[in-house]
N, C-alpha and C. Protein backbone atom coordinates (compact mmCIF):
# COMPACT_ATOMS: atom_id res chain seq x y z
N MET A 1 -9.47 -66.11 34.88
CA MET A 1 -9.52 -66.47 36.30
C MET A 1 -8.93 -65.34 37.12
N SER A 2 -9.57 -65.04 38.21
CA SER A 2 -9.04 -64.05 39.15
C SER A 2 -9.33 -64.53 40.56
N ALA A 3 -8.71 -63.88 41.52
CA ALA A 3 -8.96 -64.23 42.91
C ALA A 3 -10.43 -64.01 43.25
N ALA A 4 -10.99 -64.93 44.05
CA ALA A 4 -12.37 -64.76 44.48
C ALA A 4 -12.47 -63.56 45.41
N PRO A 5 -13.63 -62.89 45.42
CA PRO A 5 -13.77 -61.73 46.32
C PRO A 5 -13.44 -62.11 47.75
N GLY A 6 -12.57 -61.33 48.37
CA GLY A 6 -12.25 -61.54 49.77
C GLY A 6 -11.12 -62.50 50.04
N ARG A 7 -10.57 -63.13 48.99
CA ARG A 7 -9.43 -64.02 49.23
C ARG A 7 -8.49 -64.02 48.04
N PRO A 8 -7.21 -64.30 48.29
CA PRO A 8 -6.24 -64.35 47.18
C PRO A 8 -6.42 -65.62 46.34
N LEU A 9 -5.82 -65.60 45.18
CA LEU A 9 -5.80 -66.77 44.30
C LEU A 9 -4.90 -67.83 44.92
N ARG A 10 -5.41 -69.04 45.03
CA ARG A 10 -4.66 -70.14 45.63
C ARG A 10 -3.84 -70.83 44.54
N VAL A 11 -2.52 -70.77 44.68
CA VAL A 11 -1.60 -71.20 43.63
C VAL A 11 -0.73 -72.35 44.12
N ALA A 12 -0.52 -73.34 43.25
CA ALA A 12 0.47 -74.40 43.47
C ALA A 12 1.58 -74.23 42.44
N ILE A 13 2.80 -74.52 42.85
CA ILE A 13 3.95 -74.44 41.95
C ILE A 13 4.55 -75.84 41.81
N LEU A 14 4.76 -76.26 40.57
CA LEU A 14 5.36 -77.57 40.29
C LEU A 14 6.78 -77.37 39.79
N ILE A 15 7.72 -78.10 40.39
CA ILE A 15 9.14 -77.96 40.06
C ILE A 15 9.77 -79.34 39.89
N SER A 16 10.94 -79.35 39.27
CA SER A 16 11.74 -80.57 39.19
C SER A 16 13.16 -80.38 39.68
N GLY A 17 13.58 -79.12 39.86
CA GLY A 17 14.97 -78.86 40.21
C GLY A 17 15.11 -77.78 41.25
N ARG A 18 15.99 -76.82 40.97
CA ARG A 18 16.35 -75.80 41.98
C ARG A 18 15.24 -74.80 42.24
N GLY A 19 14.34 -74.61 41.26
CA GLY A 19 13.19 -73.75 41.49
C GLY A 19 13.47 -72.27 41.52
N SER A 20 14.33 -71.78 40.61
CA SER A 20 14.64 -70.35 40.65
C SER A 20 13.42 -69.50 40.28
N ASN A 21 12.61 -69.94 39.32
CA ASN A 21 11.39 -69.21 39.02
C ASN A 21 10.37 -69.34 40.14
N MET A 22 10.36 -70.47 40.82
CA MET A 22 9.52 -70.63 42.01
C MET A 22 9.86 -69.57 43.04
N VAL A 23 11.17 -69.35 43.27
CA VAL A 23 11.59 -68.35 44.26
C VAL A 23 11.09 -66.96 43.88
N SER A 24 11.13 -66.63 42.59
CA SER A 24 10.64 -65.31 42.17
C SER A 24 9.15 -65.17 42.46
N LEU A 25 8.39 -66.25 42.31
CA LEU A 25 6.96 -66.20 42.62
C LEU A 25 6.73 -66.11 44.13
N ILE A 26 7.51 -66.84 44.91
CA ILE A 26 7.40 -66.78 46.36
C ILE A 26 7.68 -65.37 46.87
N GLU A 27 8.74 -64.77 46.35
CA GLU A 27 9.10 -63.42 46.78
C GLU A 27 8.03 -62.41 46.41
N ALA A 28 7.46 -62.56 45.22
CA ALA A 28 6.39 -61.65 44.80
C ALA A 28 5.16 -61.81 45.68
N ALA A 29 4.80 -63.06 45.97
CA ALA A 29 3.58 -63.33 46.74
C ALA A 29 3.71 -62.87 48.19
N ALA A 30 4.93 -62.62 48.65
CA ALA A 30 5.13 -62.13 50.02
C ALA A 30 4.70 -60.67 50.18
N ALA A 31 4.56 -59.95 49.08
CA ALA A 31 4.15 -58.55 49.17
C ALA A 31 2.68 -58.46 49.57
N PRO A 32 2.32 -57.55 50.47
CA PRO A 32 0.95 -57.47 50.96
C PRO A 32 -0.09 -57.21 49.87
N ASP A 33 0.32 -56.53 48.79
CA ASP A 33 -0.64 -56.18 47.75
C ASP A 33 -0.67 -57.18 46.60
N PHE A 34 0.03 -58.31 46.75
CA PHE A 34 0.06 -59.31 45.67
C PHE A 34 -1.07 -60.31 45.94
N PRO A 35 -2.07 -60.39 45.06
CA PRO A 35 -3.31 -61.13 45.38
C PRO A 35 -3.20 -62.64 45.16
N VAL A 36 -2.13 -63.23 45.66
CA VAL A 36 -1.86 -64.66 45.47
C VAL A 36 -1.41 -65.26 46.79
N GLU A 37 -1.89 -66.48 47.09
CA GLU A 37 -1.36 -67.27 48.20
C GLU A 37 -0.81 -68.57 47.62
N ILE A 38 0.47 -68.82 47.83
CA ILE A 38 1.06 -70.08 47.37
C ILE A 38 0.76 -71.12 48.44
N VAL A 39 -0.06 -72.09 48.09
CA VAL A 39 -0.56 -73.05 49.07
C VAL A 39 0.15 -74.40 48.99
N LEU A 40 0.94 -74.63 47.93
CA LEU A 40 1.59 -75.93 47.78
C LEU A 40 2.72 -75.84 46.76
N VAL A 41 3.83 -76.50 47.07
CA VAL A 41 4.91 -76.72 46.11
C VAL A 41 5.08 -78.23 45.99
N LEU A 42 5.05 -78.72 44.75
CA LEU A 42 5.20 -80.15 44.49
C LEU A 42 6.34 -80.39 43.52
N SER A 43 7.06 -81.47 43.73
CA SER A 43 8.11 -81.87 42.79
C SER A 43 7.96 -83.35 42.46
N ASN A 44 8.31 -83.70 41.24
CA ASN A 44 8.35 -85.12 40.87
C ASN A 44 9.68 -85.76 41.25
N ARG A 45 10.60 -84.97 41.82
CA ARG A 45 11.91 -85.48 42.23
C ARG A 45 12.15 -85.15 43.70
N PRO A 46 12.25 -86.18 44.56
CA PRO A 46 12.46 -85.91 45.99
C PRO A 46 13.74 -85.13 46.28
N GLU A 47 14.74 -85.25 45.39
CA GLU A 47 16.01 -84.58 45.62
C GLU A 47 16.03 -83.14 45.11
N ALA A 48 14.93 -82.65 44.58
CA ALA A 48 14.89 -81.30 44.01
C ALA A 48 15.24 -80.26 45.07
N GLY A 49 16.23 -79.42 44.76
CA GLY A 49 16.67 -78.41 45.70
C GLY A 49 15.60 -77.39 46.02
N GLY A 50 14.67 -77.17 45.10
CA GLY A 50 13.62 -76.20 45.33
C GLY A 50 12.70 -76.55 46.47
N LEU A 51 12.59 -77.84 46.81
CA LEU A 51 11.72 -78.23 47.93
C LEU A 51 12.22 -77.62 49.24
N ASP A 52 13.52 -77.69 49.47
CA ASP A 52 14.07 -77.09 50.68
C ASP A 52 13.90 -75.58 50.69
N ARG A 53 14.04 -74.96 49.52
CA ARG A 53 13.87 -73.51 49.46
C ARG A 53 12.44 -73.12 49.79
N ALA A 54 11.49 -73.93 49.32
CA ALA A 54 10.09 -73.65 49.63
C ALA A 54 9.81 -73.83 51.11
N ARG A 55 10.37 -74.89 51.70
CA ARG A 55 10.16 -75.11 53.14
C ARG A 55 10.77 -73.99 53.97
N GLN A 56 11.93 -73.50 53.53
CA GLN A 56 12.56 -72.39 54.24
C GLN A 56 11.68 -71.14 54.22
N ALA A 57 10.84 -71.03 53.18
CA ALA A 57 9.92 -69.90 53.08
C ALA A 57 8.62 -70.18 53.84
N GLY A 58 8.54 -71.34 54.50
CA GLY A 58 7.37 -71.66 55.29
C GLY A 58 6.20 -72.21 54.50
N LEU A 59 6.49 -72.75 53.32
CA LEU A 59 5.42 -73.25 52.45
C LEU A 59 5.31 -74.77 52.53
N PRO A 60 4.11 -75.31 52.39
CA PRO A 60 3.96 -76.76 52.29
C PRO A 60 4.64 -77.25 51.01
N ALA A 61 5.56 -78.19 51.14
CA ALA A 61 6.32 -78.68 49.99
C ALA A 61 6.50 -80.19 50.12
N ARG A 62 6.21 -80.89 49.05
CA ARG A 62 6.33 -82.34 49.09
C ARG A 62 6.71 -82.88 47.73
N ALA A 63 7.19 -84.11 47.73
CA ALA A 63 7.57 -84.78 46.49
C ALA A 63 6.60 -85.91 46.19
N LEU A 64 6.27 -86.03 44.91
CA LEU A 64 5.59 -87.20 44.37
C LEU A 64 6.55 -87.80 43.36
N ASP A 65 7.28 -88.80 43.77
CA ASP A 65 8.32 -89.39 42.92
C ASP A 65 7.68 -90.12 41.76
N HIS A 66 7.87 -89.60 40.55
CA HIS A 66 7.21 -90.22 39.39
C HIS A 66 7.67 -91.65 39.15
N ARG A 67 8.86 -91.99 39.68
CA ARG A 67 9.37 -93.35 39.49
C ARG A 67 8.61 -94.38 40.32
N ALA A 68 7.81 -93.91 41.26
CA ALA A 68 7.04 -94.82 42.11
C ALA A 68 5.71 -95.21 41.49
N TYR A 69 5.41 -94.67 40.32
CA TYR A 69 4.12 -94.92 39.69
C TYR A 69 4.32 -95.76 38.43
N GLY A 70 3.35 -96.62 38.17
CA GLY A 70 3.49 -97.57 37.08
C GLY A 70 3.26 -96.99 35.70
N SER A 71 2.69 -95.81 35.64
CA SER A 71 2.41 -95.20 34.34
C SER A 71 2.36 -93.69 34.50
N ARG A 72 2.46 -93.00 33.38
CA ARG A 72 2.35 -91.54 33.39
C ARG A 72 0.96 -91.12 33.90
N ALA A 73 -0.06 -91.87 33.49
CA ALA A 73 -1.43 -91.53 33.91
C ALA A 73 -1.60 -91.71 35.41
N ALA A 74 -0.99 -92.74 35.98
CA ALA A 74 -1.10 -92.96 37.43
C ALA A 74 -0.43 -91.82 38.20
N PHE A 75 0.73 -91.37 37.73
CA PHE A 75 1.39 -90.24 38.38
C PHE A 75 0.54 -88.99 38.29
N ASP A 76 -0.01 -88.75 37.11
CA ASP A 76 -0.82 -87.54 36.93
C ASP A 76 -2.07 -87.58 37.79
N ALA A 77 -2.63 -88.77 38.01
CA ALA A 77 -3.80 -88.89 38.88
C ALA A 77 -3.43 -88.53 40.32
N ALA A 78 -2.26 -88.96 40.77
CA ALA A 78 -1.81 -88.60 42.12
C ALA A 78 -1.55 -87.10 42.23
N LEU A 79 -0.97 -86.54 41.19
CA LEU A 79 -0.72 -85.10 41.15
C LEU A 79 -2.03 -84.32 41.22
N ASP A 80 -3.00 -84.75 40.43
CA ASP A 80 -4.30 -84.10 40.40
C ASP A 80 -4.96 -84.16 41.78
N ALA A 81 -4.87 -85.32 42.43
CA ALA A 81 -5.49 -85.47 43.75
C ALA A 81 -4.85 -84.54 44.78
N ALA A 82 -3.52 -84.40 44.72
CA ALA A 82 -2.83 -83.51 45.66
C ALA A 82 -3.23 -82.06 45.45
N LEU A 83 -3.37 -81.65 44.20
CA LEU A 83 -3.76 -80.27 43.90
C LEU A 83 -5.18 -79.99 44.36
N ARG A 84 -6.06 -80.94 44.12
CA ARG A 84 -7.46 -80.74 44.52
C ARG A 84 -7.61 -80.75 46.03
N ALA A 85 -6.83 -81.58 46.70
CA ALA A 85 -6.89 -81.61 48.16
C ALA A 85 -6.47 -80.28 48.77
N ALA A 86 -5.56 -79.58 48.09
CA ALA A 86 -5.10 -78.27 48.55
C ALA A 86 -5.99 -77.13 48.06
N GLN A 87 -7.07 -77.46 47.36
CA GLN A 87 -8.02 -76.47 46.84
C GLN A 87 -7.32 -75.40 46.00
N VAL A 88 -6.51 -75.88 45.07
CA VAL A 88 -5.72 -75.01 44.21
C VAL A 88 -6.59 -74.40 43.12
N ASP A 89 -6.43 -73.10 42.90
CA ASP A 89 -7.12 -72.41 41.81
C ASP A 89 -6.30 -72.44 40.52
N LEU A 90 -4.98 -72.27 40.65
CA LEU A 90 -4.12 -72.12 39.49
C LEU A 90 -2.81 -72.85 39.73
N VAL A 91 -2.31 -73.53 38.70
CA VAL A 91 -1.04 -74.25 38.77
C VAL A 91 0.00 -73.50 37.96
N CYS A 92 1.17 -73.27 38.56
CA CYS A 92 2.30 -72.65 37.86
C CYS A 92 3.40 -73.69 37.69
N LEU A 93 3.74 -74.00 36.45
CA LEU A 93 4.87 -74.87 36.17
C LEU A 93 6.13 -74.02 36.17
N ALA A 94 7.12 -74.44 36.95
CA ALA A 94 8.36 -73.66 37.08
C ALA A 94 9.54 -74.62 36.98
N GLY A 95 9.89 -74.97 35.75
CA GLY A 95 10.93 -75.96 35.57
C GLY A 95 10.46 -77.36 35.92
N PHE A 96 9.22 -77.66 35.62
CA PHE A 96 8.66 -78.99 35.87
C PHE A 96 8.91 -79.84 34.63
N MET A 97 9.84 -80.77 34.74
CA MET A 97 10.34 -81.48 33.57
C MET A 97 9.61 -82.80 33.34
N ARG A 98 8.30 -82.69 33.25
CA ARG A 98 7.46 -83.83 32.93
C ARG A 98 6.49 -83.43 31.84
N ILE A 99 6.29 -84.30 30.86
CA ILE A 99 5.24 -84.09 29.88
C ILE A 99 3.95 -84.65 30.48
N LEU A 100 2.99 -83.78 30.68
CA LEU A 100 1.74 -84.17 31.34
C LEU A 100 0.79 -84.80 30.33
N THR A 101 -0.03 -85.73 30.80
CA THR A 101 -0.99 -86.39 29.92
C THR A 101 -2.05 -85.39 29.45
N ASP A 102 -2.63 -85.69 28.29
CA ASP A 102 -3.68 -84.82 27.77
C ASP A 102 -4.84 -84.70 28.75
N GLY A 103 -5.18 -85.81 29.42
CA GLY A 103 -6.29 -85.78 30.36
C GLY A 103 -6.04 -84.83 31.52
N PHE A 104 -4.81 -84.83 32.04
CA PHE A 104 -4.48 -83.92 33.13
C PHE A 104 -4.55 -82.47 32.65
N VAL A 105 -3.95 -82.21 31.50
CA VAL A 105 -3.93 -80.84 30.98
C VAL A 105 -5.35 -80.35 30.73
N GLU A 106 -6.19 -81.20 30.18
CA GLU A 106 -7.57 -80.79 29.91
C GLU A 106 -8.35 -80.56 31.20
N ALA A 107 -8.04 -81.35 32.25
CA ALA A 107 -8.72 -81.15 33.53
C ALA A 107 -8.38 -79.81 34.15
N TRP A 108 -7.19 -79.29 33.84
CA TRP A 108 -6.75 -78.01 34.40
C TRP A 108 -6.70 -76.92 33.32
N ALA A 109 -7.46 -77.11 32.26
CA ALA A 109 -7.47 -76.13 31.16
C ALA A 109 -7.88 -74.76 31.67
N GLY A 110 -7.08 -73.75 31.30
CA GLY A 110 -7.35 -72.39 31.74
C GLY A 110 -6.92 -72.11 33.15
N ARG A 111 -6.35 -73.14 33.84
CA ARG A 111 -5.93 -72.99 35.23
C ARG A 111 -4.50 -73.47 35.44
N MET A 112 -3.73 -73.52 34.36
CA MET A 112 -2.33 -73.94 34.46
C MET A 112 -1.49 -73.14 33.47
N ILE A 113 -0.39 -72.57 33.99
CA ILE A 113 0.48 -71.74 33.16
C ILE A 113 1.92 -72.23 33.28
N ASN A 114 2.73 -71.82 32.32
CA ASN A 114 4.13 -72.25 32.25
C ASN A 114 4.98 -71.08 31.78
N ILE A 115 6.25 -71.10 32.14
CA ILE A 115 7.21 -70.16 31.57
C ILE A 115 8.21 -70.94 30.74
N HIS A 116 8.42 -70.47 29.52
CA HIS A 116 9.27 -71.18 28.55
C HIS A 116 10.38 -70.23 28.10
N PRO A 117 11.63 -70.71 28.01
CA PRO A 117 12.75 -69.83 27.67
C PRO A 117 12.95 -69.60 26.17
N SER A 118 11.92 -69.06 25.53
CA SER A 118 12.04 -68.57 24.16
C SER A 118 10.86 -67.66 23.88
N LEU A 119 10.94 -66.96 22.78
CA LEU A 119 9.82 -66.14 22.33
C LEU A 119 8.93 -67.03 21.46
N LEU A 120 8.03 -67.74 22.11
CA LEU A 120 7.13 -68.62 21.37
C LEU A 120 6.33 -67.81 20.35
N PRO A 121 6.03 -68.42 19.20
CA PRO A 121 6.12 -69.84 18.86
C PRO A 121 7.50 -70.31 18.39
N LEU A 122 8.52 -69.48 18.46
CA LEU A 122 9.86 -69.93 18.10
C LEU A 122 10.44 -70.85 19.17
N PHE A 123 11.17 -71.85 18.74
CA PHE A 123 12.04 -72.67 19.61
C PHE A 123 11.28 -73.34 20.76
N ARG A 124 10.39 -74.20 20.38
CA ARG A 124 9.70 -75.02 21.38
C ARG A 124 10.65 -76.11 21.88
N GLY A 125 10.24 -76.76 22.98
CA GLY A 125 11.02 -77.88 23.49
C GLY A 125 12.22 -77.43 24.28
N THR A 126 13.29 -78.23 24.22
CA THR A 126 14.48 -77.99 25.03
C THR A 126 15.60 -77.35 24.21
N HIS A 127 16.68 -76.99 24.90
CA HIS A 127 17.87 -76.39 24.27
C HIS A 127 17.50 -75.16 23.43
N THR A 128 16.66 -74.32 24.00
CA THR A 128 16.16 -73.18 23.23
C THR A 128 17.24 -72.16 22.92
N HIS A 129 18.19 -71.99 23.82
CA HIS A 129 19.23 -70.98 23.59
C HIS A 129 20.16 -71.43 22.47
N GLU A 130 20.49 -72.71 22.44
CA GLU A 130 21.29 -73.24 21.34
C GLU A 130 20.52 -73.11 20.01
N GLN A 131 19.21 -73.36 20.06
CA GLN A 131 18.39 -73.22 18.86
C GLN A 131 18.42 -71.78 18.35
N ALA A 132 18.29 -70.84 19.27
CA ALA A 132 18.27 -69.43 18.88
C ALA A 132 19.59 -69.01 18.26
N LEU A 133 20.70 -69.44 18.86
CA LEU A 133 22.02 -69.08 18.33
C LEU A 133 22.23 -69.71 16.96
N ALA A 134 21.79 -70.94 16.80
CA ALA A 134 21.95 -71.61 15.51
C ALA A 134 21.11 -70.93 14.42
N ALA A 135 19.96 -70.39 14.80
CA ALA A 135 19.09 -69.74 13.84
C ALA A 135 19.54 -68.33 13.49
N GLY A 136 20.42 -67.76 14.31
CA GLY A 136 20.92 -66.42 14.04
C GLY A 136 19.95 -65.30 14.34
N VAL A 137 18.99 -65.52 15.25
CA VAL A 137 18.03 -64.46 15.56
C VAL A 137 18.71 -63.34 16.32
N ARG A 138 18.16 -62.14 16.22
CA ARG A 138 18.70 -60.97 16.92
C ARG A 138 18.04 -60.73 18.27
N LEU A 139 16.85 -61.32 18.46
CA LEU A 139 16.13 -61.21 19.73
C LEU A 139 15.77 -62.61 20.20
N HIS A 140 15.87 -62.80 21.49
CA HIS A 140 15.49 -64.06 22.12
C HIS A 140 14.80 -63.68 23.43
N GLY A 141 14.21 -64.61 24.14
CA GLY A 141 13.53 -64.21 25.35
C GLY A 141 12.79 -65.33 26.02
N CYS A 142 11.67 -64.98 26.67
CA CYS A 142 10.89 -65.95 27.42
C CYS A 142 9.41 -65.62 27.29
N THR A 143 8.58 -66.62 27.55
CA THR A 143 7.14 -66.52 27.35
C THR A 143 6.41 -67.18 28.50
N VAL A 144 5.38 -66.52 29.02
CA VAL A 144 4.44 -67.15 29.94
C VAL A 144 3.17 -67.45 29.15
N HIS A 145 2.73 -68.70 29.22
CA HIS A 145 1.58 -69.11 28.42
C HIS A 145 0.72 -70.10 29.18
N TYR A 146 -0.54 -70.19 28.77
CA TYR A 146 -1.40 -71.24 29.29
C TYR A 146 -0.95 -72.57 28.71
N VAL A 147 -1.13 -73.63 29.49
CA VAL A 147 -0.70 -74.96 29.07
C VAL A 147 -1.84 -75.66 28.34
N VAL A 148 -1.52 -76.21 27.17
CA VAL A 148 -2.46 -77.01 26.37
C VAL A 148 -1.77 -78.34 26.06
N PRO A 149 -2.52 -79.33 25.57
CA PRO A 149 -1.90 -80.63 25.30
C PRO A 149 -0.70 -80.57 24.35
N GLU A 150 -0.73 -79.72 23.35
CA GLU A 150 0.42 -79.59 22.45
C GLU A 150 1.54 -78.84 23.16
N LEU A 151 2.74 -79.36 23.11
CA LEU A 151 3.87 -78.83 23.87
C LEU A 151 4.19 -77.39 23.47
N ASP A 152 4.25 -76.50 24.45
CA ASP A 152 4.67 -75.11 24.27
C ASP A 152 3.85 -74.38 23.21
N ALA A 153 2.55 -74.70 23.16
CA ALA A 153 1.70 -74.12 22.11
C ALA A 153 0.50 -73.36 22.65
N GLY A 154 0.44 -73.16 23.97
CA GLY A 154 -0.74 -72.54 24.55
C GLY A 154 -0.80 -71.03 24.34
N PRO A 155 -1.97 -70.44 24.57
CA PRO A 155 -2.15 -69.00 24.42
C PRO A 155 -1.16 -68.21 25.25
N ILE A 156 -0.59 -67.18 24.62
CA ILE A 156 0.48 -66.40 25.24
C ILE A 156 -0.10 -65.30 26.14
N ILE A 157 0.41 -65.25 27.36
CA ILE A 157 0.01 -64.20 28.31
C ILE A 157 0.99 -63.03 28.27
N ALA A 158 2.29 -63.32 28.29
CA ALA A 158 3.29 -62.26 28.37
C ALA A 158 4.62 -62.76 27.85
N GLN A 159 5.42 -61.83 27.32
CA GLN A 159 6.75 -62.16 26.82
C GLN A 159 7.74 -61.07 27.20
N ALA A 160 8.99 -61.47 27.33
CA ALA A 160 10.08 -60.52 27.54
C ALA A 160 11.21 -60.87 26.59
N ALA A 161 11.85 -59.87 26.03
CA ALA A 161 12.89 -60.10 25.03
C ALA A 161 14.20 -59.47 25.44
N VAL A 162 15.29 -60.09 25.00
CA VAL A 162 16.63 -59.53 25.18
C VAL A 162 17.35 -59.62 23.84
N PRO A 163 18.30 -58.73 23.57
CA PRO A 163 19.07 -58.83 22.33
C PRO A 163 20.06 -59.98 22.42
N VAL A 164 20.29 -60.60 21.29
CA VAL A 164 21.38 -61.57 21.17
C VAL A 164 22.63 -60.80 20.79
N LEU A 165 23.64 -60.86 21.63
CA LEU A 165 24.83 -60.03 21.45
C LEU A 165 25.93 -60.79 20.71
N PRO A 166 26.81 -60.06 20.00
CA PRO A 166 27.95 -60.72 19.36
C PRO A 166 28.78 -61.46 20.41
N GLY A 167 29.16 -62.65 20.10
CA GLY A 167 29.97 -63.44 21.03
C GLY A 167 29.17 -64.21 22.05
N ASP A 168 27.84 -64.08 22.04
CA ASP A 168 27.03 -64.83 22.99
C ASP A 168 27.21 -66.34 22.80
N ASP A 169 27.28 -67.05 23.92
CA ASP A 169 27.10 -68.49 23.88
C ASP A 169 25.82 -68.81 24.63
N ALA A 170 25.44 -70.09 24.69
CA ALA A 170 24.16 -70.46 25.28
C ALA A 170 24.10 -70.06 26.75
N ASP A 171 25.20 -70.20 27.48
CA ASP A 171 25.18 -69.87 28.90
C ASP A 171 24.98 -68.37 29.14
N ALA A 172 25.67 -67.55 28.36
CA ALA A 172 25.53 -66.10 28.52
C ALA A 172 24.10 -65.65 28.19
N LEU A 173 23.58 -66.20 27.12
CA LEU A 173 22.22 -65.85 26.72
C LEU A 173 21.21 -66.33 27.76
N ALA A 174 21.40 -67.54 28.25
CA ALA A 174 20.49 -68.08 29.27
C ALA A 174 20.49 -67.22 30.52
N GLY A 175 21.66 -66.74 30.92
CA GLY A 175 21.75 -65.93 32.13
C GLY A 175 20.96 -64.64 32.02
N ARG A 176 21.05 -63.97 30.86
CA ARG A 176 20.30 -62.72 30.68
C ARG A 176 18.81 -62.98 30.61
N ILE A 177 18.43 -64.08 30.00
CA ILE A 177 17.01 -64.40 29.89
C ILE A 177 16.44 -64.79 31.24
N LEU A 178 17.22 -65.47 32.06
CA LEU A 178 16.73 -65.87 33.38
C LEU A 178 16.35 -64.65 34.22
N VAL A 179 17.12 -63.58 34.11
CA VAL A 179 16.77 -62.34 34.81
C VAL A 179 15.37 -61.88 34.39
N GLN A 180 15.09 -61.96 33.09
CA GLN A 180 13.77 -61.55 32.59
C GLN A 180 12.68 -62.53 33.04
N GLU A 181 13.00 -63.81 33.08
CA GLU A 181 12.01 -64.79 33.56
C GLU A 181 11.56 -64.44 34.97
N HIS A 182 12.51 -64.08 35.81
CA HIS A 182 12.20 -63.80 37.21
C HIS A 182 11.35 -62.53 37.37
N ARG A 183 11.37 -61.66 36.38
CA ARG A 183 10.51 -60.48 36.39
C ARG A 183 9.15 -60.78 35.76
N LEU A 184 9.19 -61.56 34.67
CA LEU A 184 8.00 -61.77 33.86
C LEU A 184 6.97 -62.66 34.54
N TYR A 185 7.43 -63.75 35.16
CA TYR A 185 6.47 -64.71 35.70
C TYR A 185 5.60 -64.10 36.79
N PRO A 186 6.18 -63.39 37.77
CA PRO A 186 5.30 -62.75 38.76
C PRO A 186 4.36 -61.72 38.14
N ALA A 187 4.84 -60.99 37.14
CA ALA A 187 3.98 -59.98 36.50
C ALA A 187 2.80 -60.64 35.80
N ALA A 188 3.05 -61.75 35.12
CA ALA A 188 1.97 -62.46 34.44
C ALA A 188 1.00 -63.06 35.45
N LEU A 189 1.52 -63.60 36.54
CA LEU A 189 0.65 -64.16 37.57
C LEU A 189 -0.24 -63.08 38.18
N ARG A 190 0.32 -61.90 38.39
CA ARG A 190 -0.49 -60.80 38.92
C ARG A 190 -1.63 -60.44 37.96
N LEU A 191 -1.33 -60.40 36.67
CA LEU A 191 -2.38 -60.10 35.68
C LEU A 191 -3.55 -61.07 35.81
N ILE A 192 -3.22 -62.36 35.98
CA ILE A 192 -4.27 -63.36 36.11
C ILE A 192 -5.03 -63.17 37.41
N ALA A 193 -4.31 -63.03 38.51
CA ALA A 193 -4.94 -62.92 39.82
C ALA A 193 -5.84 -61.69 39.93
N GLU A 194 -5.47 -60.62 39.24
CA GLU A 194 -6.26 -59.39 39.27
C GLU A 194 -7.37 -59.37 38.23
N GLY A 195 -7.50 -60.46 37.48
CA GLY A 195 -8.57 -60.54 36.48
C GLY A 195 -8.33 -59.68 35.25
N LYS A 196 -7.07 -59.34 34.99
CA LYS A 196 -6.76 -58.47 33.86
C LYS A 196 -6.52 -59.24 32.56
N VAL A 197 -6.44 -60.58 32.65
CA VAL A 197 -6.40 -61.40 31.46
C VAL A 197 -7.39 -62.55 31.63
N ARG A 198 -7.95 -63.00 30.52
CA ARG A 198 -8.83 -64.17 30.53
C ARG A 198 -8.72 -64.86 29.18
N LEU A 199 -9.17 -66.10 29.15
CA LEU A 199 -9.18 -66.86 27.91
C LEU A 199 -10.52 -66.69 27.21
N ASP A 200 -10.46 -66.50 25.91
CA ASP A 200 -11.67 -66.37 25.10
C ASP A 200 -11.42 -67.07 23.77
N GLY A 201 -12.02 -68.24 23.62
CA GLY A 201 -11.86 -68.96 22.37
C GLY A 201 -10.43 -69.33 22.04
N GLY A 202 -9.67 -69.68 23.06
CA GLY A 202 -8.29 -70.08 22.83
C GLY A 202 -7.32 -68.93 22.67
N ARG A 203 -7.75 -67.71 22.88
CA ARG A 203 -6.87 -66.55 22.86
C ARG A 203 -6.92 -65.85 24.20
N VAL A 204 -5.82 -65.18 24.54
CA VAL A 204 -5.78 -64.39 25.76
C VAL A 204 -6.36 -63.01 25.48
N VAL A 205 -7.33 -62.61 26.29
CA VAL A 205 -7.94 -61.29 26.17
C VAL A 205 -7.53 -60.47 27.38
N PHE A 206 -7.05 -59.26 27.13
CA PHE A 206 -6.62 -58.36 28.19
C PHE A 206 -7.76 -57.43 28.58
N SER A 207 -7.64 -56.80 29.73
CA SER A 207 -8.73 -55.99 30.26
C SER A 207 -9.07 -54.80 29.37
N ASP A 208 -8.12 -54.41 28.48
CA ASP A 208 -8.42 -53.31 27.56
C ASP A 208 -9.06 -53.82 26.27
N GLY A 209 -9.33 -55.13 26.20
CA GLY A 209 -10.01 -55.70 25.06
C GLY A 209 -9.12 -56.24 23.98
N THR A 210 -7.79 -56.04 24.08
CA THR A 210 -6.90 -56.55 23.06
C THR A 210 -6.75 -58.06 23.21
N LYS A 211 -6.43 -58.70 22.09
CA LYS A 211 -6.29 -60.15 22.07
C LYS A 211 -4.88 -60.52 21.64
N GLY A 212 -4.41 -61.66 22.19
CA GLY A 212 -3.19 -62.28 21.69
C GLY A 212 -1.93 -61.65 22.23
N ALA A 213 -0.80 -62.06 21.65
CA ALA A 213 0.50 -61.67 22.16
C ALA A 213 0.77 -60.18 22.04
N GLU A 214 0.01 -59.49 21.16
CA GLU A 214 0.26 -58.06 21.00
C GLU A 214 -0.09 -57.30 22.27
N GLY A 215 -0.89 -57.91 23.15
CA GLY A 215 -1.22 -57.25 24.40
C GLY A 215 -0.30 -57.63 25.54
N ALA A 216 0.70 -58.44 25.24
CA ALA A 216 1.57 -58.96 26.29
C ALA A 216 2.58 -57.93 26.73
N LEU A 217 3.25 -58.24 27.84
CA LEU A 217 4.32 -57.39 28.35
C LEU A 217 5.58 -57.64 27.53
N LEU A 218 6.24 -56.61 27.13
CA LEU A 218 7.52 -56.73 26.43
C LEU A 218 8.54 -55.87 27.12
N SER A 219 9.70 -56.40 27.40
CA SER A 219 10.77 -55.60 28.02
C SER A 219 12.09 -55.94 27.36
N LEU A 220 12.92 -54.93 27.18
CA LEU A 220 14.23 -55.11 26.54
C LEU A 220 15.32 -54.71 27.52
């Protein structure tokens, strides 16, 4: 997917909390040469701090409180309707703490990405920094990937790595990785918007013809 000729890629960002990765995308999209327009910010939590940050940036921001819906499918249907009403091309999950139904994910297949705080396929799910420390790995990091029904298993677009240092605890490691997240997510979004990556048979293909994570961005 890339921006249509003559217009930027229309992007929605989904958040559940403070939205620090959302802010990195907003700041990137403010650059004149960044081919993305953020047209909507949605949260499943009305109290999410990121909603105010989005409004301060002049963006449409609203909450769809998941507690107001009788089922996960009903919430996802409302979410889908809001995205389609805004004519969204691509959805960016940025700390959106909801497991989406298979039907929703399939409806947005190839048009929804996520950033995860580990070097996938290692350490899926939550508490990734604690998992990494317990495993004794020497490198840890973050991954931008397409969203598929299986949790944290979608095709990898880009990754960034940091060394695990002696004496690291989960907070110290998380802080260094967050810096990389804020660099990586806008870079991956730019690749998509400029048509430099596409999906082919469940793998990410880069404009130079390479496939898979070996073509991803790596930074230390």
